Amino acid sequence: MSTASERAYLKIRELLLEGRFSAGERLSEEELADTCGVSRTPVREALRRLALESFVVIHPNRGAFVVDWGRDDIADLFELRAMLEGFAAYKAALRRSQAQANQLIEFTEEMHRDATLKGRRRIDRFLELNRQFHDLICEAAGNARLKEFIARLVEQAIVVRTAIQYSTNDLRRSDDFHRDIARAIEAQNGPLAEQLMRAHILAASDLYRDSYLDGHAASARVEKAARRAG
């Protein structure tokens, strides 16, 4: 891939992960070329690469569109994550250093302390600690290829998370899972760590799926009302 194509790929991917485009939105090659500071050819190459990574879908004679998944697609994504992250937790329990075990426990304690925060600040803090917690488990598992696969699935989930809403109970349940997973890894109990991680990811899938589809339904109602008004 040329330097221009790589630059376009990284920029478009960044915009997707930041939620700059809506699910199902058509991506204009001309506008992306202007944004990336390249010609349309590198943009096409970048979009083909993003399609292989399931960030966009390319329809012949129509162009590229942001991935727009249904309920079953999202369920499949999280089932894969549950399998892979469960295996990572199992390996982490066997291979972790004492420093890594201590850090996982510290993350869960920070999450507990942050429960007093309110609103957007609480969610932003949760998302950051959640990322660090799961990244550390992948690192402790000691399998670079596994870490790469999991990262790709997590990024795909971020793209479809535009409508997600976290309640206090959602955050508390996630914190409880994190604490139990960290303790299982600290105790070097691989089977328990794997079981807890699988349950954690599958519980999250319900929240992602319902929030995403509820957001789609709301958008459709707004669009329908706009057409009527027009």
Protein backbone atom coordinates (compact mmCIF):
# COMPACT_ATOMS: atom_id res chain seq x y z
CA MET A 1 0.00 0.00 0.00
CA SER A 2 1.36 3.42 -0.97
CA THR A 3 2.11 6.16 1.52
CA ALA A 4 -0.94 8.11 0.32
CA SER A 5 -3.17 5.07 0.67
CA GLU A 6 -1.87 4.36 4.16
CA ARG A 7 -2.49 7.97 5.17
CA ALA A 8 -6.03 7.82 3.79
CA TYR A 9 -6.67 4.49 5.53
CA LEU A 10 -5.51 5.75 8.92
CA LYS A 11 -7.51 8.99 8.63
CA ILE A 12 -10.77 7.37 7.50
CA ARG A 13 -10.43 4.68 10.14
CA GLU A 14 -9.91 7.38 12.77
CA LEU A 15 -13.05 9.20 11.62
CA LEU A 16 -15.06 5.98 11.78
CA LEU A 17 -13.88 5.20 15.30
CA GLU A 18 -14.70 8.74 16.40
CA GLY A 19 -18.27 8.27 15.19
CA ARG A 20 -18.07 11.03 12.57
CA PHE A 21 -20.32 9.01 10.24
CA SER A 22 -23.67 7.36 10.88
CA ALA A 23 -24.27 3.66 10.37
CA GLY A 24 -25.33 3.08 6.78
CA GLU A 25 -24.06 6.47 5.64
CA ARG A 26 -22.55 6.65 2.15
CA LEU A 27 -18.91 7.73 2.13
CA SER A 28 -18.09 10.25 -0.58
CA GLU A 29 -14.72 9.52 -2.18
CA GLU A 30 -14.39 13.16 -3.22
CA GLU A 31 -15.03 14.50 0.28
CA LEU A 32 -12.74 11.92 1.86
CA ALA A 33 -10.00 12.80 -0.64
CA ASP A 34 -10.25 16.45 0.42
CA THR A 35 -10.23 15.51 4.10
CA CYS A 36 -7.22 13.21 3.74
CA GLY A 37 -5.31 15.48 1.37
CA VAL A 38 -4.93 12.78 -1.28
CA SER A 39 -6.45 11.88 -4.64
CA ARG A 40 -9.44 9.59 -4.99
CA THR A 41 -7.36 6.54 -5.95
CA PRO A 42 -5.71 6.18 -2.49
CA VAL A 43 -9.14 6.69 -0.92
CA ARG A 44 -10.55 3.79 -2.95
CA GLU A 45 -7.65 1.59 -1.86
CA ALA A 46 -8.20 2.61 1.77
CA LEU A 47 -11.92 1.86 1.55
CA ARG A 48 -11.24 -1.59 0.11
CA ARG A 49 -8.96 -2.31 3.05
CA LEU A 50 -11.57 -1.05 5.52
CA ALA A 51 -14.16 -3.27 3.82
CA LEU A 52 -11.94 -6.31 4.43
CA GLU A 53 -11.83 -5.29 8.09
CA SER A 54 -15.66 -4.97 8.23
CA PHE A 55 -15.68 -1.23 8.91
CA VAL A 56 -17.41 -0.40 5.63
CA VAL A 57 -19.41 -2.22 2.96
CA ILE A 58 -18.80 -1.62 -0.75
CA HIS A 59 -21.75 -2.00 -3.13
CA PRO A 60 -20.93 -2.21 -6.87
CA ASN A 61 -21.91 0.95 -8.75
CA ARG A 62 -23.11 2.55 -5.50
CA GLY A 63 -19.98 3.13 -3.46
CA ALA A 64 -18.85 2.54 0.12
CA PHE A 65 -21.13 2.72 3.16
CA VAL A 66 -20.46 2.62 6.90
CA VAL A 67 -21.23 -0.84 8.22
CA ASP A 68 -24.85 -1.10 9.34
CA TRP A 69 -25.36 -4.29 11.29
CA GLY A 70 -28.54 -5.98 12.39
CA ARG A 71 -29.28 -7.74 15.67
CA ASP A 72 -27.82 -11.09 14.54
CA ASP A 73 -24.64 -9.45 13.22
CA ILE A 74 -23.98 -7.76 16.56
CA ALA A 75 -24.70 -10.99 18.43
CA ASP A 76 -22.17 -12.81 16.23
CA LEU A 77 -19.55 -10.12 16.86
CA PHE A 78 -19.87 -10.41 20.61
CA GLU A 79 -19.90 -14.20 20.54
CA LEU A 80 -16.53 -14.06 18.80
CA ARG A 81 -15.29 -11.53 21.33
CA ALA A 82 -16.49 -13.73 24.19
CA MET A 83 -14.56 -16.69 22.79
CA LEU A 84 -11.34 -14.79 22.15
CA GLU A 85 -11.35 -12.60 25.25
CA GLY A 86 -12.32 -15.59 27.37
CA PHE A 87 -9.28 -17.44 26.03
CA ALA A 88 -7.12 -14.35 26.66
CA ALA A 89 -8.29 -14.25 30.29
CA TYR A 90 -7.49 -17.97 30.64
CA LYS A 91 -3.97 -17.44 29.29
CA ALA A 92 -3.49 -14.30 31.37
CA ALA A 93 -4.26 -16.24 34.53
CA LEU A 94 -1.52 -18.72 33.66
CA ARG A 95 1.09 -16.26 32.40
CA ARG A 96 0.53 -13.01 34.25
CA SER A 97 3.28 -11.41 36.30
CA GLN A 98 2.58 -10.31 39.84
CA ALA A 99 2.89 -6.69 38.69
CA GLN A 100 0.20 -7.27 36.05
CA ALA A 101 -2.09 -8.94 38.58
CA ASN A 102 -1.62 -6.02 40.94
CA GLN A 103 -2.38 -3.54 38.17
CA LEU A 104 -5.62 -5.32 37.27
CA ILE A 105 -6.73 -5.14 40.89
CA GLU A 106 -5.81 -1.45 40.96
CA PHE A 107 -7.94 -0.81 37.87
CA THR A 108 -10.97 -2.38 39.58
CA GLU A 109 -10.38 -0.27 42.68
CA GLU A 110 -10.23 2.87 40.55
CA MET A 111 -13.49 1.88 38.87
CA HIS A 112 -15.09 1.45 42.30
CA ARG A 113 -13.84 4.87 43.46
CA ASP A 114 -15.08 6.51 40.26
CA ALA A 115 -18.62 5.30 40.94
CA THR A 116 -19.21 8.63 42.72
CA LEU A 117 -18.64 10.58 39.50
CA LYS A 118 -21.69 11.80 37.62
CA GLY A 119 -22.87 11.99 34.02
CA ARG A 120 -20.51 12.10 31.07
CA ARG A 121 -17.44 12.30 33.28
CA ARG A 122 -18.30 8.94 34.86
CA ILE A 123 -18.84 7.27 31.47
CA ASP A 124 -15.66 8.69 29.95
CA ARG A 125 -13.64 7.52 32.94
CA PHE A 126 -15.26 4.08 32.80
CA LEU A 127 -14.50 3.69 29.09
CA GLU A 128 -10.84 4.61 29.60
CA LEU A 129 -10.32 2.25 32.55
CA ASN A 130 -12.26 -0.48 30.75
CA ARG A 131 -9.94 -0.18 27.75
CA GLN A 132 -6.83 -0.31 29.92
CA PHE A 133 -8.18 -3.30 31.86
CA HIS A 134 -8.90 -5.38 28.76
CA ASP A 135 -5.64 -4.30 27.07
CA LEU A 136 -3.65 -5.44 30.09
CA ILE A 137 -5.32 -8.85 30.06
CA CYS A 138 -4.37 -9.27 26.40
CA GLU A 139 -0.82 -8.22 27.21
CA ALA A 140 -0.63 -10.66 30.13
CA ALA A 141 -1.89 -13.46 27.86
CA GLY A 142 1.36 -13.12 25.91
CA ASN A 143 -0.10 -13.81 22.46
CA ALA A 144 0.42 -10.98 19.97
CA ARG A 145 -1.80 -12.47 17.26
CA LEU A 146 -4.66 -12.98 19.73
CA LYS A 147 -4.31 -9.37 20.89
CA GLU A 148 -4.51 -8.20 17.27
CA PHE A 149 -7.70 -10.18 16.58
CA ILE A 150 -9.39 -8.91 19.73
CA ALA A 151 -8.43 -5.31 19.00
CA ARG A 152 -10.07 -5.55 15.57
CA LEU A 153 -13.33 -6.87 17.03
CA VAL A 154 -13.36 -4.17 19.72
CA GLU A 155 -12.86 -1.45 17.11
CA GLN A 156 -15.73 -2.82 15.02
CA ALA A 157 -17.94 -2.66 18.11
CA ILE A 158 -16.95 0.98 18.65
CA VAL A 159 -18.22 1.87 15.17
CA VAL A 160 -21.70 0.53 15.97
CA ARG A 161 -21.82 2.03 19.48
CA THR A 162 -23.10 5.44 18.42
CA ALA A 163 -26.43 5.16 20.27
CA ILE A 164 -25.30 3.37 23.41
CA GLN A 165 -26.51 4.63 26.77
CA TYR A 166 -25.05 3.45 30.07
CA SER A 167 -27.17 3.34 33.21
CA THR A 168 -25.78 3.29 36.74
CA ASN A 169 -26.72 -0.37 37.00
CA ASP A 170 -24.92 -1.17 33.72
CA LEU A 171 -21.72 0.39 35.01
CA ARG A 172 -22.02 -1.32 38.39
CA ARG A 173 -22.55 -4.72 36.79
CA SER A 174 -19.50 -4.22 34.58
CA ASP A 175 -17.41 -3.14 37.57
CA ASP A 176 -18.45 -6.32 39.42
CA PHE A 177 -17.36 -8.48 36.49
CA HIS A 178 -14.03 -6.67 36.30
CA ARG A 179 -13.36 -7.22 39.98
CA ASP A 180 -14.17 -10.95 39.80
CA ILE A 181 -12.09 -11.43 36.63
CA ALA A 182 -9.11 -9.66 38.19
CA ARG A 183 -9.33 -11.83 41.29
CA ALA A 184 -9.51 -15.02 39.22
CA ILE A 185 -6.43 -13.96 37.24
CA GLU A 186 -4.60 -13.02 40.43
CA ALA A 187 -5.44 -16.50 41.81
CA GLN A 188 -4.20 -18.04 38.53
CA ASN A 189 -7.56 -19.76 38.07
CA GLY A 190 -7.68 -19.94 34.28
CA PRO A 191 -11.04 -21.73 33.85
CA LEU A 192 -12.83 -19.30 36.18
CA ALA A 193 -11.23 -16.26 34.53
CA GLU A 194 -12.36 -17.54 31.13
CA GLN A 195 -15.89 -18.25 32.31
CA LEU A 196 -16.26 -14.82 33.91
CA MET A 197 -14.87 -13.01 30.87
CA ARG A 198 -17.25 -14.81 28.53
CA ALA A 199 -20.19 -13.90 30.75
CA HIS A 200 -18.99 -10.28 30.92
CA ILE A 201 -18.74 -9.89 27.14
CA LEU A 202 -22.07 -11.56 26.45
CA ALA A 203 -23.78 -9.35 29.03
CA ALA A 204 -22.32 -6.32 27.26
CA SER A 205 -23.66 -7.59 23.93
CA ASP A 206 -27.25 -7.14 25.11
CA LEU A 207 -26.59 -3.50 25.94
CA TYR A 208 -24.82 -2.78 22.66
CA ARG A 209 -27.39 -4.54 20.52
CA ASP A 210 -30.46 -2.98 22.13
CA SER A 211 -28.99 0.53 22.28
CA TYR A 212 -27.81 0.37 18.67
CA LEU A 213 -31.13 -0.84 17.31
CA ASP A 214 -33.11 1.58 19.50
CA GLY A 215 -30.97 4.38 18.07
CA HIS A 216 -31.72 3.16 14.56
CA ALA A 217 -35.45 3.12 15.29
CA ALA A 218 -35.31 6.67 16.65
CA SER A 219 -33.40 7.88 13.59
CA ALA A 220 -35.94 6.25 11.32
CA ARG A 221 -38.80 7.98 13.12
CA VAL A 222 -37.10 11.36 12.79
CA GLU A 223 -36.43 10.77 9.10
CA LYS A 224 -40.02 9.70 8.49
CA ALA A 225 -41.34 12.77 10.29
CA ALA A 226 -39.05 15.00 8.23
CA ARG A 227 -40.33 13.47 4.99
CA ARG A 228 -43.90 14.08 6.08
CA ALA A 229 -43.13 17.67 6.99
CA GLY A 230 -41.45 18.21 3.65
